Amino acid sequence: MRFDIVTLFPDCFTSILNSGLLAKALAKHIAQVHLVNPRDFTTDKHHKVDDETYGGGVGMLMKPEPIFAAVESLPILPRRDVILMSPQGQPMNQPLLRELAANYDQLIVICGHYEGVDDRVLNLVTREISLGDFILTGGEIPSMALINGVTRLLPGTVGKEESLKNESFEAGLLDFPQYTRPANFRGWKVPDVLLSGNHAAIARWRFQQQIERTASRRPDLLKKWQEEQGE
């Protein structure tokens, strides 16, 4: 998977790209991340990437020319998606991340800043994606979440790929509680069933815990899951 990130602040990505599983995936060439600064594609002496909005208003807007030039400078892979990180986009969720990981070889991600981007940039874009119903100073943090979420789904990134199937959202339910040593910590004990060695009983307990946890924390997910199960 090739990620091309169009950002005014490429230094923001240094730490996340050099840490944890993401760094290992890059080292093993499971994924590549290329950072492209639209400021490098400006033609004026001040390298101006933003300007005032037509019609008046507060704040500055990213100009279309540097963004178009940055994207058009990139190689074109057969299966590519051009994404604008935007609070107006479709919510980022696990099914979307699975779709991107399975169906594309190249993700071009445009990070907006200031008051956003000139609306004509949407002519470049395949889709808009939002991290949630809130506003950040730019698209860099959402794009980091996208890179991380997609890369961990690529074959070879996670050591035991079976573990991906049991996570929250993968089966439509939240994950079950998990414990490690010690069996008793400050009076909080690991449930006896997990120490029993009875794998069938453990599986039943975990499934019941998924139902109960989803019901209490995300009833909307439980309702959707029940509808999909025909209940």
C-alpha atoms as a PDB file:
ATOM      1  CA  MET A   1       0.000   0.000   0.000  1.00  0.00           C
ATOM      2  CA  ARG A   2       1.307   3.431  -0.942  1.00  0.00           C
ATOM      3  CA  PHE A   3       0.165   6.454   1.052  1.00  0.00           C
ATOM      4  CA  ASP A   4       0.779   9.914  -0.409  1.00  0.00           C
ATOM      5  CA  ILE A   5       0.041  12.561   2.217  1.00  0.00           C
ATOM      6  CA  VAL A   6      -0.408  16.130   0.993  1.00  0.00           C
ATOM      7  CA  THR A   7       0.360  18.249   4.046  1.00  0.00           C
ATOM      8  CA  LEU A   8       1.758  21.637   4.983  1.00  0.00           C
ATOM      9  CA  PHE A   9       3.291  20.071   8.096  1.00  0.00           C
ATOM     10  CA  PRO A  10       5.218  16.916   7.140  1.00  0.00           C
ATOM     11  CA  ASP A  11       7.256  17.031  10.356  1.00  0.00           C
ATOM     12  CA  CYS A  12       4.094  16.099  12.276  1.00  0.00           C
ATOM     13  CA  PHE A  13       4.394  12.557  10.932  1.00  0.00           C
ATOM     14  CA  THR A  14       7.950  11.811  12.074  1.00  0.00           C
ATOM     15  CA  SER A  15       7.117  10.187  15.408  1.00  0.00           C
ATOM     16  CA  ILE A  16       4.174   8.047  14.319  1.00  0.00           C
ATOM     17  CA  LEU A  17       5.984   6.733  11.241  1.00  0.00           C
ATOM     18  CA  ASN A  18       8.963   5.687  13.343  1.00  0.00           C
ATOM     19  CA  SER A  19       7.079   3.943  16.136  1.00  0.00           C
ATOM     20  CA  GLY A  20       5.514   0.554  16.814  1.00  0.00           C
ATOM     21  CA  LEU A  21       3.867  -1.694  14.256  1.00  0.00           C
ATOM     22  CA  LEU A  22       3.660   1.102  11.712  1.00  0.00           C
ATOM     23  CA  ALA A  23       7.440   1.502  11.664  1.00  0.00           C
ATOM     24  CA  LYS A  24       7.819  -2.270  11.262  1.00  0.00           C
ATOM     25  CA  ALA A  25       5.319  -2.337   8.397  1.00  0.00           C
ATOM     26  CA  LEU A  26       7.248   0.401   6.615  1.00  0.00           C
ATOM     27  CA  ALA A  27      10.553  -1.393   7.207  1.00  0.00           C
ATOM     28  CA  LYS A  28       9.085  -4.589   5.703  1.00  0.00           C
ATOM     29  CA  HIS A  29       7.713  -2.598   2.726  1.00  0.00           C
ATOM     30  CA  ILE A  30       4.159  -3.633   3.538  1.00  0.00           C
ATOM     31  CA  ALA A  31       3.326   0.058   3.245  1.00  0.00           C
ATOM     32  CA  GLN A  32       5.053   3.185   1.987  1.00  0.00           C
ATOM     33  CA  VAL A  33       4.339   6.720   3.157  1.00  0.00           C
ATOM     34  CA  HIS A  34       5.339   9.698   1.018  1.00  0.00           C
ATOM     35  CA  LEU A  35       4.899  13.221   2.365  1.00  0.00           C
ATOM     36  CA  VAL A  36       4.224  15.975  -0.159  1.00  0.00           C
ATOM     37  CA  ASN A  37       4.172  19.643   0.836  1.00  0.00           C
ATOM     38  CA  PRO A  38       1.959  21.807  -1.400  1.00  0.00           C
ATOM     39  CA  ARG A  39       4.120  24.791  -0.462  1.00  0.00           C
ATOM     40  CA  ASP A  40       6.831  23.260  -2.657  1.00  0.00           C
ATOM     41  CA  PHE A  41       4.525  23.728  -5.654  1.00  0.00           C
ATOM     42  CA  THR A  42       3.812  27.432  -5.234  1.00  0.00           C
ATOM     43  CA  THR A  43       5.028  29.819  -7.927  1.00  0.00           C
ATOM     44  CA  ASP A  44       5.154  33.159  -6.087  1.00  0.00           C
ATOM     45  CA  LYS A  45       8.167  34.405  -4.161  1.00  0.00           C
ATOM     46  CA  HIS A  46       6.362  34.174  -0.812  1.00  0.00           C
ATOM     47  CA  HIS A  47       5.276  30.534  -1.360  1.00  0.00           C
ATOM     48  CA  LYS A  48       1.703  31.475  -0.528  1.00  0.00           C
ATOM     49  CA  VAL A  49      -0.662  28.534   0.024  1.00  0.00           C
ATOM     50  CA  ASP A  50      -3.697  30.348   1.441  1.00  0.00           C
ATOM     51  CA  ASP A  51      -5.796  33.424   0.732  1.00  0.00           C
ATOM     52  CA  GLU A  52      -8.916  35.278   1.849  1.00  0.00           C
ATOM     53  CA  THR A  53     -12.319  33.877   0.938  1.00  0.00           C
ATOM     54  CA  TYR A  54     -14.498  35.412  -1.763  1.00  0.00           C
ATOM     55  CA  GLY A  55     -17.655  36.918  -0.302  1.00  0.00           C
ATOM     56  CA  GLY A  56     -15.958  37.775   2.965  1.00  0.00           C
ATOM     57  CA  GLY A  57     -15.549  35.770   6.110  1.00  0.00           C
ATOM     58  CA  VAL A  58     -13.117  35.046   8.894  1.00  0.00           C
ATOM     59  CA  GLY A  59      -9.920  33.100   8.315  1.00  0.00           C
ATOM     60  CA  MET A  60      -7.890  31.953   5.344  1.00  0.00           C
ATOM     61  CA  LEU A  61      -8.569  29.206   2.830  1.00  0.00           C
ATOM     62  CA  MET A  62      -6.056  26.876   1.179  1.00  0.00           C
ATOM     63  CA  LYS A  63      -5.593  27.784  -2.482  1.00  0.00           C
ATOM     64  CA  PRO A  64      -6.362  25.170  -5.152  1.00  0.00           C
ATOM     65  CA  GLU A  65      -3.259  25.556  -7.356  1.00  0.00           C
ATOM     66  CA  PRO A  66      -0.622  24.135  -4.951  1.00  0.00           C
ATOM     67  CA  ILE A  67      -2.880  21.228  -3.988  1.00  0.00           C
ATOM     68  CA  PHE A  68      -3.637  20.321  -7.603  1.00  0.00           C
ATOM     69  CA  ALA A  69       0.050  20.573  -8.512  1.00  0.00           C
ATOM     70  CA  ALA A  70       1.069  18.409  -5.551  1.00  0.00           C
ATOM     71  CA  VAL A  71      -1.438  15.666  -6.380  1.00  0.00           C
ATOM     72  CA  GLU A  72      -0.692  15.782 -10.107  1.00  0.00           C
ATOM     73  CA  SER A  73       3.023  15.318  -9.394  1.00  0.00           C
ATOM     74  CA  LEU A  74       2.380  11.886  -7.893  1.00  0.00           C
ATOM     75  CA  PRO A  75       2.586   8.561  -9.718  1.00  0.00           C
ATOM     76  CA  ILE A  76      -0.758   6.999 -10.599  1.00  0.00           C
ATOM     77  CA  LEU A  77      -1.325   3.418  -9.491  1.00  0.00           C
ATOM     78  CA  PRO A  78      -4.227   1.477 -11.047  1.00  0.00           C
ATOM     79  CA  ARG A  79      -6.193   1.139  -7.814  1.00  0.00           C
ATOM     80  CA  ARG A  80      -6.036   4.505  -6.095  1.00  0.00           C
ATOM     81  CA  ASP A  81      -8.327   6.674  -4.006  1.00  0.00           C
ATOM     82  CA  VAL A  82      -7.945  10.420  -3.459  1.00  0.00           C
ATOM     83  CA  ILE A  83      -9.191  11.390  -0.011  1.00  0.00           C
ATOM     84  CA  LEU A  84      -9.794  14.757   1.607  1.00  0.00           C
ATOM     85  CA  MET A  85      -9.790  14.660   5.398  1.00  0.00           C
ATOM     86  CA  SER A  86     -12.783  16.826   6.241  1.00  0.00           C
ATOM     87  CA  PRO A  87     -15.348  17.143   9.065  1.00  0.00           C
ATOM     88  CA  GLN A  88     -17.977  17.043   6.303  1.00  0.00           C
ATOM     89  CA  GLY A  89     -16.902  13.584   5.123  1.00  0.00           C
ATOM     90  CA  GLN A  90     -18.186  10.096   5.814  1.00  0.00           C
ATOM     91  CA  PRO A  91     -17.244   8.906   9.314  1.00  0.00           C
ATOM     92  CA  MET A  92     -14.106   6.818   9.587  1.00  0.00           C
ATOM     93  CA  ASN A  93     -15.017   3.369  10.874  1.00  0.00           C
ATOM     94  CA  GLN A  94     -13.785  -0.199  10.703  1.00  0.00           C
ATOM     95  CA  PRO A  95     -15.760  -1.243   7.584  1.00  0.00           C
ATOM     96  CA  LEU A  96     -14.343   1.773   5.739  1.00  0.00           C
ATOM     97  CA  LEU A  97     -10.787   0.926   6.803  1.00  0.00           C
ATOM     98  CA  ARG A  98     -11.291  -2.672   5.657  1.00  0.00           C
ATOM     99  CA  GLU A  99     -12.566  -1.440   2.297  1.00  0.00           C
ATOM    100  CA  LEU A 100      -9.546   0.802   1.782  1.00  0.00           C
ATOM    101  CA  ALA A 101      -7.085  -1.905   2.833  1.00  0.00           C
ATOM    102  CA  ALA A 102      -8.645  -4.516   0.547  1.00  0.00           C
ATOM    103  CA  ASN A 103      -9.456  -2.525  -2.573  1.00  0.00           C
ATOM    104  CA  TYR A 104      -6.684   0.021  -3.090  1.00  0.00           C
ATOM    105  CA  ASP A 105      -2.940   0.083  -3.720  1.00  0.00           C
ATOM    106  CA  GLN A 106      -2.558   3.858  -3.368  1.00  0.00           C
ATOM    107  CA  LEU A 107      -4.267   6.311  -1.038  1.00  0.00           C
ATOM    108  CA  ILE A 108      -3.650   9.997  -1.674  1.00  0.00           C
ATOM    109  CA  VAL A 109      -4.694  11.903   1.440  1.00  0.00           C
ATOM    110  CA  ILE A 110      -5.124  15.683   1.382  1.00  0.00           C
ATOM    111  CA  CYS A 111      -4.849  17.420   4.751  1.00  0.00           C
ATOM    112  CA  GLY A 112      -6.792  20.648   4.919  1.00  0.00           C
ATOM    113  CA  HIS A 113      -5.778  23.513   7.187  1.00  0.00           C
ATOM    114  CA  TYR A 114      -6.857  27.005   8.233  1.00  0.00           C
ATOM    115  CA  GLU A 115     -10.561  27.327   7.266  1.00  0.00           C
ATOM    116  CA  GLY A 116     -10.305  24.379   4.886  1.00  0.00           C
ATOM    117  CA  VAL A 117      -9.661  24.119   1.158  1.00  0.00           C
ATOM    118  CA  ASP A 118     -11.057  25.884  -1.886  1.00  0.00           C
ATOM    119  CA  ASP A 119     -14.147  23.899  -2.895  1.00  0.00           C
ATOM    120  CA  ARG A 120     -12.719  23.294  -6.367  1.00  0.00           C
ATOM    121  CA  VAL A 121     -10.264  20.867  -4.771  1.00  0.00           C
ATOM    122  CA  LEU A 122     -13.215  18.464  -4.575  1.00  0.00           C
ATOM    123  CA  ASN A 123     -12.778  17.926  -8.319  1.00  0.00           C
ATOM    124  CA  LEU A 124      -9.615  16.004  -7.417  1.00  0.00           C
ATOM    125  CA  VAL A 125     -11.199  14.007  -4.636  1.00  0.00           C
ATOM    126  CA  THR A 126     -12.803  10.570  -4.725  1.00  0.00           C
ATOM    127  CA  ARG A 127     -14.221  10.832  -1.216  1.00  0.00           C
ATOM    128  CA  GLU A 128     -14.121  12.887   1.971  1.00  0.00           C
ATOM    129  CA  ILE A 129     -13.497  11.201   5.321  1.00  0.00           C
ATOM    130  CA  SER A 130     -14.104  12.580   8.806  1.00  0.00           C
ATOM    131  CA  LEU A 131     -12.569  11.450  12.083  1.00  0.00           C
ATOM    132  CA  GLY A 132     -15.701  12.561  13.928  1.00  0.00           C
ATOM    133  CA  ASP A 133     -18.125  15.357  14.637  1.00  0.00           C
ATOM    134  CA  PHE A 134     -15.566  17.828  15.926  1.00  0.00           C
ATOM    135  CA  ILE A 135     -13.078  20.320  14.491  1.00  0.00           C
ATOM    136  CA  LEU A 136      -9.280  20.059  14.574  1.00  0.00           C
ATOM    137  CA  THR A 137      -6.685  22.555  13.383  1.00  0.00           C
ATOM    138  CA  GLY A 138      -5.913  20.448  10.323  1.00  0.00           C
ATOM    139  CA  GLY A 139      -6.189  17.088   8.625  1.00  0.00           C
ATOM    140  CA  GLU A 140      -2.871  15.711   9.853  1.00  0.00           C
ATOM    141  CA  ILE A 141      -4.148  13.882  12.950  1.00  0.00           C
ATOM    142  CA  PRO A 142      -7.094  12.304  11.079  1.00  0.00           C
ATOM    143  CA  SER A 143      -4.737  11.216   8.298  1.00  0.00           C
ATOM    144  CA  MET A 144      -2.444   9.580  10.873  1.00  0.00           C
ATOM    145  CA  ALA A 145      -5.429   7.627  12.172  1.00  0.00           C
ATOM    146  CA  LEU A 146      -6.247   6.569   8.615  1.00  0.00           C
ATOM    147  CA  ILE A 147      -2.690   5.403   7.899  1.00  0.00           C
ATOM    148  CA  ASN A 148      -2.555   3.460  11.151  1.00  0.00           C
ATOM    149  CA  GLY A 149      -6.003   1.911  10.785  1.00  0.00           C
ATOM    150  CA  VAL A 150      -5.451   0.772   7.198  1.00  0.00           C
ATOM    151  CA  THR A 151      -1.863  -0.427   7.616  1.00  0.00           C
ATOM    152  CA  ARG A 152      -2.631  -2.711  10.558  1.00  0.00           C
ATOM    153  CA  LEU A 153      -5.130  -4.542   8.324  1.00  0.00           C
ATOM    154  CA  LEU A 154      -2.563  -5.249   5.606  1.00  0.00           C
ATOM    155  CA  PRO A 155      -1.233  -8.833   5.558  1.00  0.00           C
ATOM    156  CA  GLY A 156       1.999  -9.157   7.505  1.00  0.00           C
ATOM    157  CA  THR A 157       1.599  -6.105   9.740  1.00  0.00           C
ATOM    158  CA  VAL A 158       0.073  -7.847  12.756  1.00  0.00           C
ATOM    159  CA  GLY A 159       1.897 -10.974  13.900  1.00  0.00           C
ATOM    160  CA  LYS A 160      -1.246 -13.019  14.581  1.00  0.00           C
ATOM    161  CA  GLU A 161      -3.815 -11.940  12.019  1.00  0.00           C
ATOM    162  CA  GLU A 162      -6.436 -14.067  13.782  1.00  0.00           C
ATOM    163  CA  SER A 163      -6.418 -11.443  16.545  1.00  0.00           C
ATOM    164  CA  LEU A 164      -7.880  -8.888  14.125  1.00  0.00           C
ATOM    165  CA  LYS A 165     -11.076 -10.911  13.800  1.00  0.00           C
ATOM    166  CA  ASN A 166     -11.912 -10.678  17.506  1.00  0.00           C
ATOM    167  CA  GLU A 167     -11.558  -6.929  17.963  1.00  0.00           C
ATOM    168  CA  SER A 168     -14.257  -4.373  18.625  1.00  0.00           C
ATOM    169  CA  PHE A 169     -16.362  -3.584  15.535  1.00  0.00           C
ATOM    170  CA  GLU A 170     -15.031  -6.517  13.477  1.00  0.00           C
ATOM    171  CA  ALA A 171     -18.049  -8.725  14.262  1.00  0.00           C
ATOM    172  CA  GLY A 172     -20.425  -5.834  14.841  1.00  0.00           C
ATOM    173  CA  LEU A 173     -19.970  -5.939  18.623  1.00  0.00           C
ATOM    174  CA  LEU A 174     -17.516  -4.417  21.071  1.00  0.00           C
ATOM    175  CA  ASP A 175     -14.669  -6.589  22.301  1.00  0.00           C
ATOM    176  CA  PHE A 176     -14.958  -8.723  25.439  1.00  0.00           C
ATOM    177  CA  PRO A 177     -12.973  -7.901  28.627  1.00  0.00           C
ATOM    178  CA  GLN A 178      -9.435  -9.262  28.674  1.00  0.00           C
ATOM    179  CA  TYR A 179      -7.024  -9.918  31.533  1.00  0.00           C
ATOM    180  CA  THR A 180      -3.398 -10.886  32.106  1.00  0.00           C
ATOM    181  CA  ARG A 181      -1.289 -11.723  35.168  1.00  0.00           C
ATOM    182  CA  PRO A 182      -1.630 -11.372  38.120  1.00  0.00           C
ATOM    183  CA  ALA A 183      -4.888 -13.254  38.647  1.00  0.00           C
ATOM    184  CA  ASN A 184      -5.645 -11.052  41.666  1.00  0.00           C
ATOM    185  CA  PHE A 185      -4.691  -7.367  41.577  1.00  0.00           C
ATOM    186  CA  ARG A 186      -5.713  -5.238  44.569  1.00  0.00           C
ATOM    187  CA  GLY A 187      -8.696  -7.479  45.145  1.00  0.00           C
ATOM    188  CA  TRP A 188      -9.880  -7.384  41.528  1.00  0.00           C
ATOM    189  CA  LYS A 189      -9.870 -10.995  40.392  1.00  0.00           C
ATOM    190  CA  VAL A 190      -9.823 -12.489  36.932  1.00  0.00           C
ATOM    191  CA  PRO A 191     -13.184 -14.231  36.320  1.00  0.00           C
ATOM    192  CA  ASP A 192     -12.985 -17.899  37.279  1.00  0.00           C
ATOM    193  CA  VAL A 193     -14.179 -19.081  33.882  1.00  0.00           C
ATOM    194  CA  LEU A 194     -11.026 -17.700  32.241  1.00  0.00           C
ATOM    195  CA  LEU A 195      -8.900 -19.815  34.575  1.00  0.00           C
ATOM    196  CA  SER A 196     -10.968 -22.973  34.066  1.00  0.00           C
ATOM    197  CA  GLY A 197      -9.367 -24.236  30.867  1.00  0.00           C
ATOM    198  CA  ASN A 198     -12.861 -24.954  29.510  1.00  0.00           C
ATOM    199  CA  HIS A 199     -12.625 -23.382  26.061  1.00  0.00           C
ATOM    200  CA  ALA A 200     -16.308 -23.804  25.236  1.00  0.00           C
ATOM    201  CA  ALA A 201     -17.315 -22.093  28.478  1.00  0.00           C
ATOM    202  CA  ILE A 202     -14.785 -19.325  27.860  1.00  0.00           C
ATOM    203  CA  ALA A 203     -16.175 -18.752  24.356  1.00  0.00           C
ATOM    204  CA  ARG A 204     -19.741 -18.533  25.722  1.00  0.00           C
ATOM    205  CA  TRP A 205     -18.664 -16.124  28.469  1.00  0.00           C
ATOM    206  CA  ARG A 206     -16.802 -13.902  26.027  1.00  0.00           C
ATOM    207  CA  PHE A 207     -19.749 -13.735  23.641  1.00  0.00           C
ATOM    208  CA  GLN A 208     -22.121 -12.856  26.482  1.00  0.00           C
ATOM    209  CA  GLN A 209     -19.728 -10.165  27.641  1.00  0.00           C
ATOM    210  CA  GLN A 210     -19.655  -8.712  24.122  1.00  0.00           C
ATOM    211  CA  ILE A 211     -23.444  -8.508  24.130  1.00  0.00           C
ATOM    212  CA  GLU A 212     -23.596  -6.895  27.572  1.00  0.00           C
ATOM    213  CA  ARG A 213     -20.749  -4.460  26.947  1.00  0.00           C
ATOM    214  CA  THR A 214     -22.180  -3.355  23.604  1.00  0.00           C
ATOM    215  CA  ALA A 215     -25.639  -2.935  25.145  1.00  0.00           C
ATOM    216  CA  SER A 216     -24.307  -0.680  27.905  1.00  0.00           C
ATOM    217  CA  ARG A 217     -21.772   1.335  25.914  1.00  0.00           C
ATOM    218  CA  ARG A 218     -23.015   1.342  22.318  1.00  0.00           C
ATOM    219  CA  PRO A 219     -26.693   0.358  22.149  1.00  0.00           C
ATOM    220  CA  ASP A 220     -26.777   1.685  18.588  1.00  0.00           C
ATOM    221  CA  LEU A 221     -24.250  -0.968  17.550  1.00  0.00           C
ATOM    222  CA  LEU A 222     -26.193  -3.707  19.317  1.00  0.00           C
ATOM    223  CA  LYS A 223     -29.402  -2.705  17.559  1.00  0.00           C
ATOM    224  CA  LYS A 224     -27.642  -2.786  14.189  1.00  0.00           C
ATOM    225  CA  TRP A 225     -26.078  -6.176  14.986  1.00  0.00           C
ATOM    226  CA  GLN A 226     -29.439  -7.615  16.036  1.00  0.00           C
ATOM    227  CA  GLU A 227     -31.026  -6.382  12.812  1.00  0.00           C
ATOM    228  CA  GLU A 228     -28.262  -8.023  10.789  1.00  0.00           C
ATOM    229  CA  GLN A 229     -28.794 -11.260  12.714  1.00  0.00           C
ATOM    230  CA  GLY A 230     -32.527 -11.111  11.982  1.00  0.00           C
ATOM    231  CA  GLU A 231     -33.447 -10.761  15.647  1.00  0.00           C
END
